[in-house]
C-alpha cells in the first residue's frame, strides 16, 4: 500500500476512538452540569426524575440524587479508558503486522511476475537454440552427402586416370616399335640406294640426301642424364664459396667445353667485348649493385657481338620443370642447356636499356629470329614481371602476348588460368592463360608439327604454325 493510504487508515482509527470517548463522557457531563445548577439555586428542591430511554425498555423512574452517587454500571472509568487504549494499541500492532504481511506478499507477487517473464524468455531462447541445432544437423548431413559424392567422383577420376595411363604406356610401346621399324626401314632404304648406285649408277657419285630425322624421343647419349634437378658445377672453375641467389650454375664435367675467360668480372658481355675479349665463351659477370659474380655465356658471333645468353635449349639434357627458387638462382650447364636466373637477369636489365634476341632453329637446320626493341624484368616483389618493346623478325611474334605477365613456376601460380600453366606445360614461364610461347617446355626430338596445347612441349610461332624446335637461344644486349 502507498503511504497516503496508510495515513488515511490511521486518521480513520483516531477519529473512531474520539467518537467512542465522547459517547461515554456525554451522560456523566450532563449529570454534573445539573448538580452544579441545582446547587446554584440554593433552594431546597424536590427529587426530580430523569427518564433515560435506552435501547431496552426501562420500567420505573431513575432518580438522580445530589448525594454521593452510587456505582453506575454504565459509567466510564479510567480502567475503561485504559482498556480501550490497550485495545487500540493491540489493533495498531495487528495493523502493522498486516501491513508487513501485505508488503511481503506484494514483493512475492512482483518476484513471481519477474520469474514468469524470465521463464518465458528462457523458453524462447531454448526454442531458438533447438532450431539452430536442427539447422546445423541438416547442414552437416548435406555436407556429408556432398563429400560422399565428391569422393565418388575422385575415385572415378582416379580410375579413369589409371586407365588412360595404361593406354598411354601401351601407346608408348607401340610407338617405340613403330619408331624402331621406321629406323630399320630408313637404314634399309639407304643401303638399297647405295647398292643401286653401285650397280646401276654412273661412275660419278651423287651426294647422299640428309638422313631422315629419327622420331625416337630418347636421342641422347647414355652418359647424359635425361633430366637433372641438381645445378651442375665445374670442379675446375674457381667459383666463390659464398652462394648467393645471384650465383649462376657453372659448367659440368672436368674441363669447360667452350672458351673460358678468367679476367673480369665485367658488368655484361658487351663490356667484356669492349675490353678485347671477342671470342664467344664463358665469362665472369658482376652486374652493378651485386656482390657475387656469376658465370654467363657471351655470344660474340651474332649481330656485332656483346650478347649475354639468358637461356639455351639444344638437347633436352636439363629438366626445366623446376620450382621458384631454382628459376630465381639459375640452373643447368653454362656451356650447354641452362637458365641464367631471374635475379641475375633482373640485375642485368636494371643497369641500362637492353634489347632481346630470340634465335630458333628447326630440325632441317633453318634458323629464324624474333627481336624486341627493349627488355627488362621487374623485381621479385612483382614476380619478375616481363616488359618488352616492339617486335621485329621472321619467326612470328608469339612473345608480345606475354608482355606484362608475371613469372609462374610449379610452386608459384601467377597466371590468369584457372589452373597452373607451369604444371600444364611442365616449365616455368611468363604465362598469361597459358599464352602463345613456351621456350622452357619439354624438349622433343621428333621434329614434327605439335599442337600448342599438347604435353607442354616447347614450341614457337614459326611460319604460321606451332612447331617443335631443335634449339633455341635467348640473349640480351645493351641498346646502342
Protein backbone atom coordinates (compact mmCIF):
# COMPACT_ATOMS: atom_id res chain seq x y z
CA UNK A 1 0.00 0.00 0.00
CA UNK A 2 1.06 3.60 -0.60
CA UNK A 3 2.00 5.98 2.28
CA UNK A 4 -1.15 8.07 1.65
CA UNK A 5 -3.35 5.03 2.18
CA UNK A 6 -1.60 4.27 5.48
CA UNK A 7 -2.09 7.86 6.71
CA UNK A 8 -5.76 7.74 5.81
CA UNK A 9 -6.24 4.48 7.78
CA UNK A 10 -4.51 5.99 10.85
CA UNK A 11 -6.74 9.11 10.80
CA UNK A 12 -9.83 6.94 10.49
CA UNK A 13 -8.81 4.90 13.55
CA UNK A 14 -8.14 8.05 15.64
CA UNK A 15 -11.49 9.54 14.66
CA UNK A 16 -13.27 6.36 15.70
CA UNK A 17 -11.56 6.34 19.09
CA UNK A 18 -12.51 10.01 19.79
CA UNK A 19 -16.11 9.36 18.98
CA UNK A 20 -16.23 6.40 21.34
CA UNK A 21 -14.70 8.56 24.14
CA UNK A 22 -17.28 11.33 23.65
CA UNK A 23 -20.10 8.82 23.74
CA UNK A 24 -19.00 7.61 27.19
CA UNK A 25 -18.38 11.08 28.61
CA UNK A 26 -21.68 12.67 27.46
CA UNK A 27 -24.07 11.34 30.19
CA UNK A 28 -21.59 11.95 33.01
CA UNK A 29 -21.05 15.59 31.99
CA UNK A 30 -24.79 16.19 31.74
CA UNK A 31 -25.38 14.90 35.30
CA UNK A 32 -22.57 17.05 36.74
CA UNK A 33 -23.95 20.12 34.97
CA UNK A 34 -27.41 19.58 36.53
CA UNK A 35 -25.92 19.11 40.01
CA UNK A 36 -24.00 22.36 39.69
CA UNK A 37 -27.09 24.23 38.54
CA UNK A 38 -29.16 22.91 41.43
CA UNK A 39 -26.51 23.98 43.96
CA UNK A 40 -26.50 27.46 42.49
CA UNK A 41 -30.18 27.90 43.00
CA UNK A 42 -29.72 27.30 46.78
CA UNK A 43 -33.27 26.22 47.21
CA UNK A 44 -34.49 23.02 48.50
CA UNK A 45 -35.91 21.28 45.61
CA UNK A 46 -37.70 18.08 45.40
CA UNK A 47 -36.41 15.00 43.75
CA UNK A 48 -36.51 15.30 40.09
CA UNK A 49 -36.59 12.28 37.88
CA UNK A 50 -34.87 11.93 34.59
CA UNK A 51 -36.06 9.25 32.29
CA UNK A 52 -33.47 7.64 30.08
CA UNK A 53 -34.69 5.80 27.11
CA UNK A 54 -32.13 3.16 26.34
CA UNK A 55 -32.40 0.59 23.66
CA UNK A 56 -34.05 -1.68 26.20
CA UNK A 57 -37.26 -0.61 27.82
CA UNK A 58 -36.73 0.70 31.37
CA UNK A 59 -39.52 0.25 33.92
CA UNK A 60 -39.63 2.62 36.82
CA UNK A 61 -38.14 6.03 37.41
CA UNK A 62 -34.46 6.83 37.58
CA UNK A 63 -33.62 9.28 40.34
CA UNK A 64 -30.61 11.46 40.21
CA UNK A 65 -29.84 12.48 43.79
CA UNK A 66 -27.40 15.14 44.85
CA UNK A 67 -25.68 12.93 47.35
CA UNK A 68 -22.86 10.65 46.71
CA UNK A 69 -23.63 8.70 43.65
CA UNK A 70 -23.80 5.04 43.74
CA UNK A 71 -21.69 2.95 41.47
CA UNK A 72 -23.03 3.10 37.95
CA UNK A 73 -22.52 0.18 35.79
CA UNK A 74 -22.64 2.33 32.65
CA UNK A 75 -20.24 4.99 33.99
CA UNK A 76 -16.90 5.24 32.06
CA UNK A 77 -13.90 4.96 34.33
CA UNK A 78 -10.14 5.26 33.88
CA UNK A 79 -9.93 1.48 33.68
CA UNK A 80 -12.30 1.52 30.75
CA UNK A 81 -10.19 4.15 29.01
CA UNK A 82 -7.02 2.12 29.67
CA UNK A 83 -8.72 -0.95 28.29
CA UNK A 84 -9.76 0.95 25.20
CA UNK A 85 -6.22 2.33 24.71
CA UNK A 86 -4.76 -1.14 25.18
CA UNK A 87 -7.26 -2.44 22.63
CA UNK A 88 -6.28 0.35 20.20
CA UNK A 89 -2.60 -0.41 20.73
CA UNK A 90 -3.24 -4.06 20.08
CA UNK A 91 -5.21 -3.18 16.95
CA UNK A 92 -2.37 -0.91 15.77
CA UNK A 93 0.12 -3.74 16.24
CA UNK A 94 -2.16 -6.06 14.33
CA UNK A 95 -2.49 -3.44 11.55
CA UNK A 96 1.33 -3.09 11.41
CA UNK A 97 1.64 -6.84 11.24
CA UNK A 98 -0.97 -6.97 8.49
CA UNK A 99 0.85 -4.15 6.68
CA UNK A 100 4.13 -6.07 6.81
CA UNK A 101 2.38 -9.18 5.58
CA UNK A 102 0.86 -7.20 2.70
CA UNK A 103 4.33 -5.78 1.83
CA UNK A 104 5.90 -9.24 1.85
CA UNK A 105 3.07 -10.64 -0.24
CA UNK A 106 3.41 -7.76 -2.70
CA UNK A 107 7.16 -8.37 -3.08
CA UNK A 108 6.50 -12.03 -3.59
CA UNK A 109 3.95 -11.22 -6.28
CA UNK A 110 6.46 -8.97 -8.08
CA UNK A 111 9.10 -11.65 -7.85
CA UNK A 112 6.67 -14.19 -9.22
CA UNK A 113 5.93 -11.89 -12.16
CA UNK A 114 9.65 -11.46 -12.86
CA UNK A 115 10.21 -15.22 -12.66
CA UNK A 116 7.36 -15.85 -15.07
CA UNK A 117 8.82 -13.30 -17.51
CA UNK A 118 12.27 -14.86 -17.27
CA UNK A 119 10.72 -18.28 -17.78
CA UNK A 120 9.04 -17.10 -20.97
CA UNK A 121 12.32 -15.60 -22.22
CA UNK A 122 14.16 -18.82 -21.40
CA UNK A 123 11.60 -20.86 -23.29
CA UNK A 124 12.04 -18.62 -26.34
CA UNK A 125 15.84 -18.95 -26.18
CA UNK A 126 15.63 -22.74 -25.83
CA UNK A 127 13.33 -22.87 -28.86
CA UNK A 128 15.77 -20.74 -30.86
CA UNK A 129 18.73 -22.93 -29.89
CA UNK A 130 16.79 -26.02 -30.83
CA UNK A 131 16.05 -24.60 -34.29
CA UNK A 132 19.71 -23.67 -34.76
CA UNK A 133 20.79 -27.15 -33.74
CA UNK A 134 18.31 -28.70 -36.13
CA UNK A 135 19.57 -26.47 -38.96
CA UNK A 136 23.18 -27.40 -38.17
CA UNK A 137 22.34 -31.10 -38.20
CA UNK A 138 20.68 -30.74 -41.61
CA UNK A 139 23.68 -28.80 -42.95
CA UNK A 140 26.11 -31.45 -41.65
CA UNK A 141 24.08 -34.15 -43.34
CA UNK A 142 24.11 -32.22 -46.64
CA UNK A 143 27.88 -31.74 -46.35
CA UNK A 144 28.33 -35.45 -45.70
CA UNK A 145 26.32 -36.25 -48.82
CA UNK A 146 28.34 -33.79 -50.90
CA UNK A 147 31.59 -35.20 -49.52
CA UNK A 148 30.49 -38.71 -50.39
CA UNK A 149 29.62 -37.59 -53.92
CA UNK A 150 32.97 -35.82 -54.26
CA UNK A 151 34.82 -38.93 -53.07
CA UNK A 152 32.93 -40.93 -55.64
CA UNK A 153 33.91 -38.53 -58.41
CA UNK A 154 37.54 -38.57 -57.24
CA UNK A 155 37.58 -42.35 -57.30
CA UNK A 156 36.06 -42.35 -60.77
CA UNK A 157 38.60 -39.78 -61.97
CA UNK A 158 41.45 -41.80 -60.44
CA UNK A 159 40.25 -44.94 -62.16
CA UNK A 160 39.96 -43.05 -65.45
CA UNK A 161 43.46 -41.61 -64.99
CA UNK A 162 44.87 -45.07 -64.33
CA UNK A 163 43.13 -46.36 -67.42
CA UNK A 164 44.49 -43.51 -69.53
CA UNK A 165 47.95 -44.08 -68.07
CA UNK A 166 47.80 -47.73 -69.07
CA UNK A 167 46.66 -46.76 -72.56
CA UNK A 168 49.45 -44.18 -72.73
CA UNK A 169 52.06 -46.77 -71.79
CA UNK A 170 50.62 -49.09 -74.40
CA UNK A 171 50.84 -46.34 -76.99
CA UNK A 172 54.43 -45.65 -75.97
CA UNK A 173 55.29 -49.30 -76.54
CA UNK A 174 53.58 -49.28 -79.93
CA UNK A 175 55.27 -46.00 -80.81
CA UNK A 176 58.67 -47.39 -79.87
CA UNK A 177 58.11 -50.46 -82.01
CA UNK A 178 56.94 -48.31 -84.94
CA UNK A 179 59.92 -45.98 -84.48
CA UNK A 180 62.29 -48.92 -84.48
CA UNK A 181 60.60 -50.20 -87.63
CA UNK A 182 60.92 -46.78 -89.31
CA UNK A 183 64.58 -46.55 -88.36
CA UNK A 184 65.32 -50.03 -89.67
CA UNK A 185 63.46 -49.24 -92.88
CA UNK A 186 65.40 -46.00 -93.22
CA UNK A 187 68.67 -47.92 -92.92
CA UNK A 188 67.42 -50.49 -95.40
CA UNK A 189 66.37 -47.79 -97.86
CA UNK A 190 69.76 -46.09 -97.52
CA UNK A 191 71.53 -49.43 -98.12
CA UNK A 192 69.35 -50.16 -101.16
CA UNK A 193 70.00 -46.69 -102.59
CA UNK A 194 73.72 -47.20 -102.18
CA UNK A 195 73.50 -50.64 -103.81
CA UNK A 196 71.50 -49.22 -106.71
CA UNK A 197 74.06 -46.50 -107.22
CA UNK A 198 76.83 -49.06 -107.22
CA UNK A 199 75.08 -51.38 -109.67
CA UNK A 200 73.17 -49.07 -111.98
CA UNK A 201 74.65 -45.65 -111.37
CA UNK A 202 77.39 -43.94 -113.30
CA UNK A 203 80.88 -43.55 -112.02
CA UNK A 204 80.13 -40.02 -110.69
CA UNK A 205 78.86 -40.49 -107.19
CA UNK A 206 75.95 -38.14 -106.22
CA UNK A 207 75.92 -36.73 -102.68
CA UNK A 208 73.55 -38.57 -100.41
CA UNK A 209 70.49 -36.69 -99.14
CA UNK A 210 70.37 -35.80 -95.46
CA UNK A 211 69.35 -38.75 -93.32
CA UNK A 212 65.82 -39.00 -92.12
CA UNK A 213 65.16 -37.48 -88.75
CA UNK A 214 64.64 -40.14 -86.14
CA UNK A 215 61.38 -39.95 -84.26
CA UNK A 216 62.57 -41.78 -81.17
CA UNK A 217 62.24 -39.32 -78.25
CA UNK A 218 65.33 -40.65 -76.49
CA UNK A 219 68.04 -39.49 -78.88
CA UNK A 220 70.56 -38.59 -76.16
CA UNK A 221 73.88 -40.26 -75.24
CA UNK A 222 73.66 -42.72 -72.40
CA UNK A 223 76.04 -40.83 -70.16
CA UNK A 224 73.95 -37.61 -70.37
CA UNK A 225 71.03 -37.61 -67.90
CA UNK A 226 67.58 -37.05 -69.39
CA UNK A 227 66.53 -34.76 -66.56
CA UNK A 228 68.55 -33.29 -63.74
CA UNK A 229 67.19 -31.44 -60.76
CA UNK A 230 70.64 -30.53 -59.42
CA UNK A 231 72.60 -27.47 -60.52
CA UNK A 232 75.71 -28.78 -62.29
CA UNK A 233 79.06 -27.30 -61.27
CA UNK A 234 82.55 -27.42 -62.70
CA UNK A 235 85.23 -28.62 -60.35
CA UNK A 236 87.91 -26.74 -62.31
CA UNK A 237 86.12 -23.36 -62.37
CA UNK A 238 87.04 -21.00 -59.48
CA UNK A 239 83.64 -20.13 -58.02
CA UNK A 240 83.43 -18.27 -54.67
CA UNK A 241 82.33 -20.36 -51.72
CA UNK A 242 79.58 -17.87 -50.84
CA UNK A 243 76.47 -18.87 -52.76
CA UNK A 244 74.04 -16.00 -53.08
CA UNK A 245 70.76 -16.04 -55.03
CA UNK A 246 72.54 -14.29 -57.91
CA UNK A 247 75.11 -17.09 -58.39
CA UNK A 248 74.52 -18.93 -61.67
CA UNK A 249 75.49 -22.55 -62.27
CA UNK A 250 78.89 -23.47 -63.65
CA UNK A 251 79.74 -25.87 -66.48
CA UNK A 252 79.66 -29.58 -65.83
CA UNK A 253 82.49 -32.05 -66.14
CA UNK A 254 86.19 -31.76 -65.54
CA UNK A 255 87.10 -29.04 -68.07
CA UNK A 256 84.98 -26.41 -69.78
CA UNK A 257 83.83 -27.23 -73.30
CA UNK A 258 83.92 -23.65 -74.54
CA UNK A 259 86.27 -20.73 -74.17
CA UNK A 260 86.61 -19.52 -70.60
CA UNK A 261 87.94 -16.13 -69.54
CA UNK A 262 89.26 -15.72 -66.02
CA UNK A 263 89.51 -11.96 -66.39
CA UNK A 264 86.93 -9.53 -65.14
CA UNK A 265 84.40 -9.63 -63.80
CA UNK A 266 82.50 -7.49 -66.31
CA UNK A 267 79.14 -5.78 -65.91
CA UNK A 268 77.90 -7.61 -69.06
CA UNK A 269 79.19 -9.29 -72.20
CA UNK A 270 79.33 -6.03 -74.16
CA UNK A 271 81.86 -4.65 -71.66
CA UNK A 272 83.85 -7.88 -71.98
CA UNK A 273 83.95 -7.49 -75.77
CA UNK A 274 84.96 -3.86 -75.46
CA UNK A 275 87.79 -4.96 -73.14
CA UNK A 276 89.21 -7.03 -76.01
CA UNK A 277 87.57 -10.43 -75.40
CA UNK A 278 85.91 -11.08 -78.76
CA UNK A 279 85.71 -14.88 -78.55
CA UNK A 280 82.40 -16.47 -77.59
CA UNK A 281 82.56 -18.45 -74.36
CA UNK A 282 82.02 -18.39 -70.61
CA UNK A 283 82.85 -15.16 -68.80
CA UNK A 284 82.60 -13.91 -65.26
CA UNK A 285 79.99 -11.14 -64.93
CA UNK A 286 79.13 -8.92 -61.98
CA UNK A 287 76.18 -6.56 -62.65
CA UNK A 288 76.07 -3.20 -60.91
CA UNK A 289 74.79 -3.34 -57.36
CA UNK A 290 75.56 -7.05 -56.85
CA UNK A 291 78.16 -8.61 -54.59
CA UNK A 292 78.88 -12.04 -56.09
CA UNK A 293 79.98 -12.59 -59.72
CA UNK A 294 78.18 -15.14 -61.91
CA UNK A 295 79.18 -17.22 -64.91
CA UNK A 296 77.42 -16.49 -68.20
CA UNK A 297 77.89 -17.38 -71.86
CA UNK A 298 78.89 -14.40 -74.02
CA UNK A 299 77.96 -14.70 -77.71
CA UNK A 300 80.19 -12.54 -79.92
CA UNK A 301 79.38 -14.19 -83.29
CA UNK A 302 75.88 -12.74 -83.70
CA UNK A 303 75.00 -9.19 -84.78
CA UNK A 304 78.29 -7.46 -83.80
CA UNK A 305 78.64 -9.49 -80.57
CA UNK A 306 78.26 -8.46 -76.97
CA UNK A 307 75.18 -10.66 -76.33
CA UNK A 308 74.61 -12.21 -72.88
CA UNK A 309 72.87 -15.59 -73.09
CA UNK A 310 69.99 -15.91 -70.57
CA UNK A 311 68.58 -19.23 -71.85
CA UNK A 312 69.62 -22.08 -74.17
CA UNK A 313 67.93 -25.34 -75.25
CA UNK A 314 69.58 -27.81 -77.61
CA UNK A 315 69.45 -31.47 -76.47
CA UNK A 316 66.99 -31.90 -73.58
CA UNK A 317 69.73 -32.76 -71.09
CA UNK A 318 68.37 -30.38 -68.43
CA UNK A 319 64.94 -30.56 -66.83
CA UNK A 320 63.19 -27.17 -66.89
CA UNK A 321 60.25 -28.30 -64.71
CA UNK A 322 61.58 -26.66 -61.52
CA UNK A 323 60.46 -24.59 -58.56
CA UNK A 324 60.65 -20.85 -57.96
CA UNK A 325 63.97 -20.92 -56.11
CA UNK A 326 65.69 -22.76 -58.99
CA UNK A 327 64.42 -20.31 -61.60
CA UNK A 328 65.47 -17.41 -59.37
CA UNK A 329 69.07 -18.63 -58.87
CA UNK A 330 69.57 -20.33 -62.23
CA UNK A 331 70.39 -23.91 -63.19
CA UNK A 332 71.93 -26.09 -65.90
CA UNK A 333 75.27 -26.03 -67.72
CA UNK A 334 76.52 -22.65 -68.98
CA UNK A 335 78.21 -24.42 -71.93
CA UNK A 336 75.00 -26.34 -72.72
CA UNK A 337 71.38 -26.08 -71.70
CA UNK A 338 70.86 -23.61 -68.87
CA UNK A 339 68.76 -20.82 -67.37
CA UNK A 340 70.81 -17.84 -66.18
CA UNK A 341 68.49 -16.97 -63.27
CA UNK A 342 65.68 -14.45 -62.86
CA UNK A 343 67.57 -12.43 -60.24
CA UNK A 344 70.65 -12.15 -62.47
CA UNK A 345 68.52 -11.21 -65.50
CA UNK A 346 66.78 -8.55 -63.38
CA UNK A 347 70.14 -7.14 -62.18
CA UNK A 348 71.46 -7.02 -65.76
CA UNK A 349 68.35 -5.29 -67.08
CA UNK A 350 68.30 -2.54 -64.45
CA UNK A 351 71.84 -1.32 -65.36
CA UNK A 352 70.67 0.32 -68.60
CA UNK A 353 68.30 -0.24 -71.53
CA UNK A 354 68.65 -3.73 -73.09
CA UNK A 355 67.13 -5.41 -76.14
CA UNK A 356 66.17 -9.08 -76.57
CA UNK A 357 67.01 -11.54 -79.34
CA UNK A 358 65.38 -14.99 -79.61
CA UNK A 359 67.07 -17.36 -82.09
CA UNK A 360 65.23 -20.53 -83.18
CA UNK A 361 66.46 -23.46 -85.28
CA UNK A 362 64.26 -26.21 -86.70
CA UNK A 363 65.17 -29.82 -87.45
CA UNK A 364 66.12 -29.00 -91.04
CA UNK A 365 68.77 -26.51 -89.91
CA UNK A 366 66.76 -23.41 -90.78
CA UNK A 367 67.16 -20.51 -88.34
CA UNK A 368 64.73 -17.70 -87.65
CA UNK A 369 64.76 -14.92 -85.09
CA UNK A 370 62.48 -12.62 -83.09
CA UNK A 371 63.95 -9.34 -81.82
CA UNK A 372 62.40 -6.88 -79.37
CA UNK A 373 63.50 -3.27 -79.06
CA UNK A 374 63.57 -3.29 -75.24
CA UNK A 375 63.65 -5.89 -72.47
CA UNK A 376 63.79 -5.87 -68.67
CA UNK A 377 62.23 -7.59 -65.65
CA UNK A 378 60.58 -6.06 -62.61
CA UNK A 379 61.87 -7.11 -59.13
CA UNK A 380 60.88 -10.25 -57.26
CA UNK A 381 58.19 -8.35 -55.33
CA UNK A 382 56.40 -8.11 -58.71
CA UNK A 383 57.18 -11.78 -59.52
CA UNK A 384 59.73 -10.70 -62.17
CA UNK A 385 57.08 -9.22 -64.48
CA UNK A 386 58.15 -9.20 -68.16
CA UNK A 387 58.49 -5.87 -70.03
CA UNK A 388 59.04 -5.99 -73.81
CA UNK A 389 59.35 -3.46 -76.62
CA UNK A 390 58.26 -3.70 -80.28
CA UNK A 391 58.77 -6.85 -82.35
CA UNK A 392 60.94 -7.34 -85.42
CA UNK A 393 61.93 -10.61 -87.13
CA UNK A 394 60.80 -13.57 -89.22
CA UNK A 395 59.87 -16.13 -86.56
CA UNK A 396 56.45 -14.68 -85.72
CA UNK A 397 55.53 -12.53 -82.73
CA UNK A 398 54.43 -15.02 -80.06
CA UNK A 399 56.07 -13.31 -77.09
CA UNK A 400 54.23 -9.97 -77.12
CA UNK A 401 51.11 -11.63 -75.69
CA UNK A 402 53.20 -12.40 -72.57
CA UNK A 403 54.26 -8.78 -72.11
CA UNK A 404 53.34 -7.54 -68.62
CA UNK A 405 52.84 -11.06 -67.24
CA UNK A 406 54.39 -12.38 -64.04
CA UNK A 407 56.61 -15.44 -63.92
CA UNK A 408 54.92 -18.73 -62.93
CA UNK A 409 56.50 -21.93 -61.63
CA UNK A 410 55.12 -25.17 -60.25
CA UNK A 411 55.00 -23.68 -56.71
CA UNK A 412 54.18 -20.02 -57.62
CA UNK A 413 50.98 -19.72 -59.68
CA UNK A 414 50.82 -16.15 -61.05
CA UNK A 415 48.99 -16.77 -64.36
CA UNK A 416 45.39 -15.93 -65.30
CA UNK A 417 44.48 -19.58 -65.96
CA UNK A 418 42.14 -21.39 -63.54
CA UNK A 419 44.87 -24.00 -63.00
CA UNK A 420 48.66 -23.72 -63.07
CA UNK A 421 50.16 -23.32 -66.54
CA UNK A 422 53.55 -24.45 -65.23
CA UNK A 423 52.05 -27.87 -64.42
CA UNK A 424 50.32 -27.98 -67.82
CA UNK A 425 53.43 -27.06 -69.84
CA UNK A 426 55.99 -28.68 -67.46
CA UNK A 427 58.10 -25.50 -67.19
CA UNK A 428 58.28 -22.03 -65.70
CA UNK A 429 57.43 -19.06 -67.94
CA UNK A 430 55.68 -15.69 -68.16
CA UNK A 431 52.29 -17.30 -68.73
CA UNK A 432 49.05 -15.48 -69.36
CA UNK A 433 46.39 -18.20 -69.80
CA UNK A 434 48.53 -20.05 -70.84
CA UNK A 435 49.86 -17.98 -73.77
CA UNK A 436 51.39 -18.46 -77.20
CA UNK A 437 55.06 -19.09 -76.41
CA UNK A 438 56.86 -21.51 -74.11
CA UNK A 439 60.57 -21.87 -74.75
CA UNK A 440 61.21 -23.76 -71.49
CA UNK A 441 58.89 -26.73 -72.14
CA UNK A 442 59.75 -30.41 -72.57
CA UNK A 443 62.41 -30.90 -75.26
CA UNK A 444 61.21 -33.22 -78.04
CA UNK A 445 63.36 -34.74 -80.76
CA UNK A 446 60.54 -35.63 -83.17
CA UNK A 447 60.74 -32.51 -85.27
CA UNK A 448 57.06 -32.76 -86.23
CA UNK A 449 54.18 -30.30 -86.04
CA UNK A 450 52.82 -30.10 -82.48
CA UNK A 451 49.60 -28.63 -81.17
CA UNK A 452 50.26 -25.77 -78.75
CA UNK A 453 48.06 -27.47 -76.13
CA UNK A 454 49.84 -30.83 -76.09
CA UNK A 455 52.08 -32.15 -73.32
CA UNK A 456 53.90 -28.89 -72.57
CA UNK A 457 56.44 -29.39 -75.40
CA UNK A 458 58.34 -26.19 -76.04
CA UNK A 459 57.29 -24.54 -79.26
CA UNK A 460 57.20 -21.19 -81.04
CA UNK A 461 55.13 -19.40 -83.67
CA UNK A 462 57.12 -20.16 -86.80
CA UNK A 463 55.80 -19.88 -90.31
CA UNK A 464 52.18 -19.51 -89.21
CA UNK A 465 52.13 -22.65 -87.08
CA UNK A 466 53.41 -24.00 -83.80
CA UNK A 467 56.36 -26.35 -84.23
CA UNK A 468 58.78 -28.25 -82.05
CA UNK A 469 62.17 -26.56 -82.29
CA UNK A 470 65.53 -28.28 -82.28
CA UNK A 471 67.29 -25.44 -80.44
CA UNK A 472 66.53 -22.00 -79.06
CA UNK A 473 68.64 -19.24 -77.56
CA UNK A 474 67.55 -16.09 -75.71
CA UNK A 475 70.12 -13.33 -75.34
CA UNK A 476 70.20 -9.66 -74.34
CA UNK A 477 72.46 -6.73 -75.27
CA UNK A 478 72.54 -3.01 -74.32
CA UNK A 479 70.77 -0.77 -76.79
CA UNK A 480 73.20 1.21 -78.98
